[in-house]
């Protein structure tokens, strides 16, 4: 099973606000599928956008072979 660190969409459809969780999940699962572990969140609706990452866990999963999506990699660059 190949795993990926990517965004999972969590939204309030009545207000059309989208929030995202940064999660570890199977690559073959859909975007809103089952999560192995949650590593942070991203809320673009706030001004400035709210971002929280657990860098240690992300790096630990990367050492285990998890692929990091381009968006999450750009978030890591912003945090460093």
PDB file of N, CA and C in Angstrom:
ATOM      1  N   UNK A   1       0.851  -1.181   0.000  1.00  0.00           N
ATOM      2  CA  UNK A   1       0.000   0.000   0.000  1.00  0.00           C
ATOM      3  C   UNK A   1       0.891   1.237   0.000  1.00  0.00           C
ATOM      4  N   UNK A   2       0.753   2.046  -1.033  1.00  0.00           N
ATOM      5  CA  UNK A   2       1.483   3.300  -1.110  1.00  0.00           C
ATOM      6  C   UNK A   2       0.656   4.389  -0.441  1.00  0.00           C
ATOM      7  N   UNK A   3       1.301   5.178   0.390  1.00  0.00           N
ATOM      8  CA  UNK A   3       0.585   6.242   1.092  1.00  0.00           C
ATOM      9  C   UNK A   3       1.060   7.603   0.614  1.00  0.00           C
ATOM     10  N   UNK A   4       0.194   8.583   0.777  1.00  0.00           N
ATOM     11  CA  UNK A   4       0.488   9.946   0.369  1.00  0.00           C
ATOM     12  C   UNK A   4       0.083  10.906   1.474  1.00  0.00           C
ATOM     13  N   UNK A   5       0.811  12.000   1.565  1.00  0.00           N
ATOM     14  CA  UNK A   5       0.464  13.090   2.468  1.00  0.00           C
ATOM     15  C   UNK A   5      -0.163  14.161   1.585  1.00  0.00           C
ATOM     16  N   UNK A   6      -1.438  14.414   1.802  1.00  0.00           N
ATOM     17  CA  UNK A   6      -2.165  15.333   0.934  1.00  0.00           C
ATOM     18  C   UNK A   6      -3.301  16.012   1.689  1.00  0.00           C
ATOM     19  N   UNK A   7      -4.054  16.846   0.963  1.00  0.00           N
ATOM     20  CA  UNK A   7      -5.159  17.579   1.567  1.00  0.00           C
ATOM     21  C   UNK A   7      -6.447  16.776   1.495  1.00  0.00           C
ATOM     22  N   UNK A   8      -7.245  16.892   2.542  1.00  0.00           N
ATOM     23  CA  UNK A   8      -8.589  16.323   2.576  1.00  0.00           C
ATOM     24  C   UNK A   8      -9.544  17.487   2.782  1.00  0.00           C
ATOM     25  N   UNK A   9     -10.521  17.595   1.904  1.00  0.00           N
ATOM     26  CA  UNK A   9     -11.456  18.714   1.951  1.00  0.00           C
ATOM     27  C   UNK A   9     -12.504  18.500   3.031  1.00  0.00           C
ATOM     28  N   UNK A  10     -12.653  19.490   3.896  1.00  0.00           N
ATOM     29  CA  UNK A  10     -13.688  19.508   4.927  1.00  0.00           C
ATOM     30  C   UNK A  10     -14.364  20.863   4.763  1.00  0.00           C
ATOM     31  N   UNK A  11     -15.651  20.848   4.407  1.00  0.00           N
ATOM     32  CA  UNK A  11     -16.264  22.135   4.097  1.00  0.00           C
ATOM     33  C   UNK A  11     -17.629  22.289   4.735  1.00  0.00           C
ATOM     34  N   UNK A  12     -18.024  23.518   4.824  1.00  0.00           N
ATOM     35  CA  UNK A  12     -19.371  23.879   5.245  1.00  0.00           C
ATOM     36  C   UNK A  12     -20.094  24.289   3.970  1.00  0.00           C
ATOM     37  N   UNK A  13     -20.854  23.365   3.394  1.00  0.00           N
ATOM     38  CA  UNK A  13     -21.473  23.620   2.095  1.00  0.00           C
ATOM     39  C   UNK A  13     -22.535  24.708   2.135  1.00  0.00           C
ATOM     40  N   UNK A  14     -23.155  24.925   3.285  1.00  0.00           N
ATOM     41  CA  UNK A  14     -24.183  25.950   3.351  1.00  0.00           C
ATOM     42  C   UNK A  14     -23.589  27.356   3.221  1.00  0.00           C
ATOM     43  N   UNK A  15     -22.361  27.520   3.662  1.00  0.00           N
ATOM     44  CA  UNK A  15     -21.717  28.837   3.583  1.00  0.00           C
ATOM     45  C   UNK A  15     -20.636  28.886   2.514  1.00  0.00           C
ATOM     46  N   UNK A  16     -20.437  27.767   1.794  1.00  0.00           N
ATOM     47  CA  UNK A  16     -19.441  27.662   0.721  1.00  0.00           C
ATOM     48  C   UNK A  16     -18.043  28.019   1.203  1.00  0.00           C
ATOM     49  N   UNK A  17     -17.734  27.603   2.430  1.00  0.00           N
ATOM     50  CA  UNK A  17     -16.392  27.792   2.975  1.00  0.00           C
ATOM     51  C   UNK A  17     -15.693  26.451   2.981  1.00  0.00           C
ATOM     52  N   UNK A  18     -14.473  26.430   2.501  1.00  0.00           N
ATOM     53  CA  UNK A  18     -13.724  25.183   2.451  1.00  0.00           C
ATOM     54  C   UNK A  18     -12.552  25.235   3.407  1.00  0.00           C
ATOM     55  N   UNK A  19     -12.410  24.189   4.186  1.00  0.00           N
ATOM     56  CA  UNK A  19     -11.262  23.985   5.055  1.00  0.00           C
ATOM     57  C   UNK A  19     -10.622  22.686   4.616  1.00  0.00           C
ATOM     58  N   UNK A  20      -9.349  22.545   4.914  1.00  0.00           N
ATOM     59  CA  UNK A  20      -8.647  21.347   4.505  1.00  0.00           C
ATOM     60  C   UNK A  20      -7.874  20.772   5.685  1.00  0.00           C
ATOM     61  N   UNK A  21      -7.795  19.462   5.743  1.00  0.00           N
ATOM     62  CA  UNK A  21      -6.956  18.765   6.704  1.00  0.00           C
ATOM     63  C   UNK A  21      -5.779  18.199   5.942  1.00  0.00           C
ATOM     64  N   UNK A  22      -4.614  18.242   6.537  1.00  0.00           N
ATOM     65  CA  UNK A  22      -3.421  17.632   5.946  1.00  0.00           C
ATOM     66  C   UNK A  22      -3.329  16.244   6.560  1.00  0.00           C
ATOM     67  N   UNK A  23      -3.437  15.218   5.712  1.00  0.00           N
ATOM     68  CA  UNK A  23      -3.598  13.858   6.196  1.00  0.00           C
ATOM     69  C   UNK A  23      -2.676  12.885   5.464  1.00  0.00           C
ATOM     70  N   UNK A  24      -2.513  11.713   6.099  1.00  0.00           N
ATOM     71  CA  UNK A  24      -1.835  10.587   5.474  1.00  0.00           C
ATOM     72  C   UNK A  24      -2.923   9.601   5.083  1.00  0.00           C
ATOM     73  N   UNK A  25      -2.944   9.210   3.807  1.00  0.00           N
ATOM     74  CA  UNK A  25      -3.944   8.256   3.349  1.00  0.00           C
ATOM     75  C   UNK A  25      -3.423   7.457   2.164  1.00  0.00           C
ATOM     76  N   UNK A  26      -4.089   6.357   1.874  1.00  0.00           N
ATOM     77  CA  UNK A  26      -3.727   5.515   0.744  1.00  0.00           C
ATOM     78  C   UNK A  26      -3.876   6.327  -0.542  1.00  0.00           C
ATOM     79  N   UNK A  27      -2.892   6.194  -1.447  1.00  0.00           N
ATOM     80  CA  UNK A  27      -2.926   6.953  -2.698  1.00  0.00           C
ATOM     81  C   UNK A  27      -4.143   6.637  -3.554  1.00  0.00           C
ATOM     82  N   UNK A  28      -4.632   5.428  -3.470  1.00  0.00           N
ATOM     83  CA  UNK A  28      -5.730   5.013  -4.333  1.00  0.00           C
ATOM     84  C   UNK A  28      -7.105   5.411  -3.812  1.00  0.00           C
ATOM     85  N   UNK A  29      -7.178   5.901  -2.589  1.00  0.00           N
ATOM     86  CA  UNK A  29      -8.454   6.330  -2.009  1.00  0.00           C
ATOM     87  C   UNK A  29      -8.851   7.692  -2.573  1.00  0.00           C
ATOM     88  N   UNK A  30     -10.155   7.995  -2.613  1.00  0.00           N
ATOM     89  CA  UNK A  30     -10.581   9.322  -3.064  1.00  0.00           C
ATOM     90  C   UNK A  30     -10.169  10.408  -2.068  1.00  0.00           C
ATOM     91  N   UNK A  31     -10.241  11.643  -2.500  1.00  0.00           N
ATOM     92  CA  UNK A  31      -9.805  12.782  -1.690  1.00  0.00           C
ATOM     93  C   UNK A  31     -10.459  12.812  -0.318  1.00  0.00           C
ATOM     94  N   UNK A  32     -11.712  12.426  -0.245  1.00  0.00           N
ATOM     95  CA  UNK A  32     -12.435  12.458   1.021  1.00  0.00           C
ATOM     96  C   UNK A  32     -12.540  11.075   1.659  1.00  0.00           C
ATOM     97  N   UNK A  33     -11.626  10.180   1.312  1.00  0.00           N
ATOM     98  CA  UNK A  33     -11.671   8.811   1.816  1.00  0.00           C
ATOM     99  C   UNK A  33     -11.132   8.665   3.225  1.00  0.00           C
ATOM    100  N   UNK A  34     -10.889   7.408   3.600  1.00  0.00           N
ATOM    101  CA  UNK A  34     -10.448   7.087   4.957  1.00  0.00           C
ATOM    102  C   UNK A  34      -9.020   7.559   5.203  1.00  0.00           C
ATOM    103  N   UNK A  35      -8.793   8.129   6.373  1.00  0.00           N
ATOM    104  CA  UNK A  35      -7.518   8.721   6.749  1.00  0.00           C
ATOM    105  C   UNK A  35      -6.748   7.775   7.666  1.00  0.00           C
ATOM    106  N   UNK A  36      -5.425   7.708   7.472  1.00  0.00           N
ATOM    107  CA  UNK A  36      -4.572   6.945   8.373  1.00  0.00           C
ATOM    108  C   UNK A  36      -4.208   7.814   9.581  1.00  0.00           C
ATOM    109  N   UNK A  37      -3.786   9.057   9.305  1.00  0.00           N
ATOM    110  CA  UNK A  37      -3.425   9.972  10.386  1.00  0.00           C
ATOM    111  C   UNK A  37      -3.587  11.414   9.920  1.00  0.00           C
ATOM    112  N   UNK A  38      -4.019  12.282  10.820  1.00  0.00           N
ATOM    113  CA  UNK A  38      -4.153  13.704  10.527  1.00  0.00           C
ATOM    114  C   UNK A  38      -2.905  14.429  11.017  1.00  0.00           C
ATOM    115  N   UNK A  39      -2.329  15.279  10.154  1.00  0.00           N
ATOM    116  CA  UNK A  39      -1.072  15.943  10.476  1.00  0.00           C
ATOM    117  C   UNK A  39      -1.172  17.461  10.580  1.00  0.00           C
ATOM    118  N   UNK A  40      -2.333  18.023  10.293  1.00  0.00           N
ATOM    119  CA  UNK A  40      -2.474  19.470  10.389  1.00  0.00           C
ATOM    120  C   UNK A  40      -3.733  19.935   9.691  1.00  0.00           C
ATOM    121  N   UNK A  41      -3.851  21.267   9.519  1.00  0.00           N
ATOM    122  CA  UNK A  41      -5.007  21.825   8.839  1.00  0.00           C
ATOM    123  C   UNK A  41      -4.620  23.095   8.100  1.00  0.00           C
ATOM    124  N   UNK A  42      -5.484  23.484   7.143  1.00  0.00           N
ATOM    125  CA  UNK A  42      -5.317  24.704   6.364  1.00  0.00           C
ATOM    126  C   UNK A  42      -6.691  25.323   6.182  1.00  0.00           C
ATOM    127  N   UNK A  43      -6.830  26.583   6.571  1.00  0.00           N
ATOM    128  CA  UNK A  43      -8.094  27.302   6.439  1.00  0.00           C
ATOM    129  C   UNK A  43      -7.852  28.567   5.617  1.00  0.00           C
ATOM    130  N   UNK A  44      -8.138  28.522   4.314  1.00  0.00           N
ATOM    131  CA  UNK A  44      -7.889  29.686   3.462  1.00  0.00           C
ATOM    132  C   UNK A  44      -8.907  30.806   3.643  1.00  0.00           C
ATOM    133  N   UNK A  45     -10.011  30.557   4.336  1.00  0.00           N
ATOM    134  CA  UNK A  45     -11.061  31.570   4.497  1.00  0.00           C
ATOM    135  C   UNK A  45     -10.644  32.684   5.449  1.00  0.00           C
ATOM    136  N   UNK A  46      -9.740  32.388   6.363  1.00  0.00           N
ATOM    137  CA  UNK A  46      -9.297  33.408   7.309  1.00  0.00           C
ATOM    138  C   UNK A  46      -8.325  34.364   6.627  1.00  0.00           C
ATOM    139  N   UNK A  47      -8.209  35.560   7.197  1.00  0.00           N
ATOM    140  CA  UNK A  47      -7.284  36.532   6.629  1.00  0.00           C
ATOM    141  C   UNK A  47      -6.284  36.946   7.688  1.00  0.00           C
ATOM    142  N   UNK A  48      -5.039  36.555   7.642  1.00  0.00           N
ATOM    143  CA  UNK A  48      -4.390  35.678   6.666  1.00  0.00           C
ATOM    144  C   UNK A  48      -4.788  34.221   6.874  1.00  0.00           C
ATOM    145  N   UNK A  49      -4.540  33.422   5.853  1.00  0.00           N
ATOM    146  CA  UNK A  49      -4.919  32.004   5.886  1.00  0.00           C
ATOM    147  C   UNK A  49      -4.255  31.304   7.078  1.00  0.00           C
ATOM    148  N   UNK A  50      -5.009  30.429   7.715  1.00  0.00           N
ATOM    149  CA  UNK A  50      -4.526  29.710   8.891  1.00  0.00           C
ATOM    150  C   UNK A  50      -3.919  28.375   8.454  1.00  0.00           C
ATOM    151  N   UNK A  51      -2.704  28.099   8.943  1.00  0.00           N
ATOM    152  CA  UNK A  51      -1.999  26.875   8.576  1.00  0.00           C
ATOM    153  C   UNK A  51      -1.296  26.319   9.799  1.00  0.00           C
ATOM    154  N   UNK A  52      -1.506  25.020  10.067  1.00  0.00           N
ATOM    155  CA  UNK A  52      -0.818  24.356  11.169  1.00  0.00           C
ATOM    156  C   UNK A  52      -0.352  22.999  10.668  1.00  0.00           C
ATOM    157  N   UNK A  53       0.942  22.716  10.843  1.00  0.00           N
ATOM    158  CA  UNK A  53       1.539  21.453  10.419  1.00  0.00           C
ATOM    159  C   UNK A  53       2.314  20.829  11.560  1.00  0.00           C
ATOM    160  N   UNK A  54       2.326  19.504  11.600  1.00  0.00           N
ATOM    161  CA  UNK A  54       3.189  18.776  12.522  1.00  0.00           C
ATOM    162  C   UNK A  54       4.382  18.292  11.691  1.00  0.00           C
ATOM    163  N   UNK A  55       5.423  19.135  11.611  1.00  0.00           N
ATOM    164  CA  UNK A  55       6.567  18.854  10.732  1.00  0.00           C
ATOM    165  C   UNK A  55       7.277  17.554  11.075  1.00  0.00           C
ATOM    166  N   UNK A  56       7.394  17.246  12.362  1.00  0.00           N
ATOM    167  CA  UNK A  56       8.095  16.029  12.764  1.00  0.00           C
ATOM    168  C   UNK A  56       7.383  14.783  12.240  1.00  0.00           C
ATOM    169  N   UNK A  57       6.061  14.771  12.354  1.00  0.00           N
ATOM    170  CA  UNK A  57       5.301  13.620  11.861  1.00  0.00           C
ATOM    171  C   UNK A  57       5.353  13.526  10.340  1.00  0.00           C
ATOM    172  N   UNK A  58       5.315  14.673   9.676  1.00  0.00           N
ATOM    173  CA  UNK A  58       5.396  14.667   8.213  1.00  0.00           C
ATOM    174  C   UNK A  58       6.729  14.096   7.764  1.00  0.00           C
ATOM    175  N   UNK A  59       7.816  14.535   8.385  1.00  0.00           N
ATOM    176  CA  UNK A  59       9.132  14.021   8.016  1.00  0.00           C
ATOM    177  C   UNK A  59       9.267  12.541   8.363  1.00  0.00           C
ATOM    178  N   UNK A  60       8.659  12.103   9.460  1.00  0.00           N
ATOM    179  CA  UNK A  60       8.699  10.681   9.825  1.00  0.00           C
ATOM    180  C   UNK A  60       7.960   9.846   8.780  1.00  0.00           C
ATOM    181  N   UNK A  61       6.813  10.318   8.320  1.00  0.00           N
ATOM    182  CA  UNK A  61       6.072   9.582   7.291  1.00  0.00           C
ATOM    183  C   UNK A  61       6.842   9.580   5.977  1.00  0.00           C
ATOM    184  N   UNK A  62       7.528  10.677   5.674  1.00  0.00           N
ATOM    185  CA  UNK A  62       8.316  10.730   4.436  1.00  0.00           C
ATOM    186  C   UNK A  62       9.455   9.711   4.482  1.00  0.00           C
ATOM    187  N   UNK A  63      10.079   9.537   5.644  1.00  0.00           N
ATOM    188  CA  UNK A  63      11.130   8.531   5.797  1.00  0.00           C
ATOM    189  C   UNK A  63      10.587   7.117   5.623  1.00  0.00           C
ATOM    190  N   UNK A  64       9.322   6.921   5.976  1.00  0.00           N
ATOM    191  CA  UNK A  64       8.687   5.608   5.811  1.00  0.00           C
ATOM    192  C   UNK A  64       8.282   5.344   4.359  1.00  0.00           C
ATOM    193  N   UNK A  65       8.387   6.371   3.493  1.00  0.00           N
ATOM    194  CA  UNK A  65       8.079   6.180   2.081  1.00  0.00           C
ATOM    195  C   UNK A  65       6.840   6.873   1.578  1.00  0.00           C
ATOM    196  N   UNK A  66       6.215   7.700   2.389  1.00  0.00           N
ATOM    197  CA  UNK A  66       5.014   8.416   1.957  1.00  0.00           C
ATOM    198  C   UNK A  66       5.400   9.515   0.964  1.00  0.00           C
ATOM    199  N   UNK A  67       4.590   9.667  -0.057  1.00  0.00           N
ATOM    200  CA  UNK A  67       4.803  10.721  -1.045  1.00  0.00           C
ATOM    201  C   UNK A  67       4.074  11.977  -0.584  1.00  0.00           C
ATOM    202  N   UNK A  68       4.722  13.115  -0.722  1.00  0.00           N
ATOM    203  CA  UNK A  68       4.126  14.380  -0.307  1.00  0.00           C
ATOM    204  C   UNK A  68       3.605  15.098  -1.545  1.00  0.00           C
ATOM    205  N   UNK A  69       2.363  15.547  -1.505  1.00  0.00           N
ATOM    206  CA  UNK A  69       1.783  16.264  -2.645  1.00  0.00           C
ATOM    207  C   UNK A  69       2.477  17.614  -2.815  1.00  0.00           C
ATOM    208  N   UNK A  70       2.343  18.170  -4.006  1.00  0.00           N
ATOM    209  CA  UNK A  70       2.985  19.451  -4.314  1.00  0.00           C
ATOM    210  C   UNK A  70       2.472  20.565  -3.411  1.00  0.00           C
ATOM    211  N   UNK A  71       1.181  20.560  -3.115  1.00  0.00           N
ATOM    212  CA  UNK A  71       0.597  21.605  -2.270  1.00  0.00           C
ATOM    213  C   UNK A  71       1.135  21.529  -0.845  1.00  0.00           C
ATOM    214  N   UNK A  72       1.187  20.328  -0.293  1.00  0.00           N
ATOM    215  CA  UNK A  72       1.695  20.169   1.067  1.00  0.00           C
ATOM    216  C   UNK A  72       3.182  20.513   1.113  1.00  0.00           C
ATOM    217  N   UNK A  73       3.928  20.173   0.061  1.00  0.00           N
ATOM    218  CA  UNK A  73       5.346  20.525   0.010  1.00  0.00           C
ATOM    219  C   UNK A  73       5.531  22.053   0.008  1.00  0.00           C
ATOM    220  N   UNK A  74       4.638  22.769  -0.703  1.00  0.00           N
ATOM    221  CA  UNK A  74       4.741  24.233  -0.694  1.00  0.00           C
ATOM    222  C   UNK A  74       4.404  24.796   0.688  1.00  0.00           C
ATOM    223  N   UNK A  75       3.463  24.155   1.404  1.00  0.00           N
ATOM    224  CA  UNK A  75       3.159  24.577   2.773  1.00  0.00           C
ATOM    225  C   UNK A  75       4.382  24.373   3.673  1.00  0.00           C
ATOM    226  N   UNK A  76       5.085  23.266   3.494  1.00  0.00           N
ATOM    227  CA  UNK A  76       6.298  23.006   4.303  1.00  0.00           C
ATOM    228  C   UNK A  76       7.345  24.085   4.069  1.00  0.00           C
ATOM    229  N   UNK A  77       7.488  24.525   2.826  1.00  0.00           N
ATOM    230  CA  UNK A  77       8.453  25.582   2.517  1.00  0.00           C
ATOM    231  C   UNK A  77       8.063  26.897   3.192  1.00  0.00           C
ATOM    232  N   UNK A  78       6.774  27.185   3.264  1.00  0.00           N
ATOM    233  CA  UNK A  78       6.296  28.405   3.909  1.00  0.00           C
ATOM    234  C   UNK A  78       6.581  28.380   5.412  1.00  0.00           C
ATOM    235  N   UNK A  79       6.424  27.208   6.013  1.00  0.00           N
ATOM    236  CA  UNK A  79       6.598  27.074   7.465  1.00  0.00           C
ATOM    237  C   UNK A  79       8.065  27.114   7.859  1.00  0.00           C
ATOM    238  N   UNK A  80       8.954  26.580   7.039  1.00  0.00           N
ATOM    239  CA  UNK A  80      10.380  26.527   7.385  1.00  0.00           C
ATOM    240  C   UNK A  80      11.037  27.857   7.390  1.00  0.00           C
TER     241      UNK A  80
END
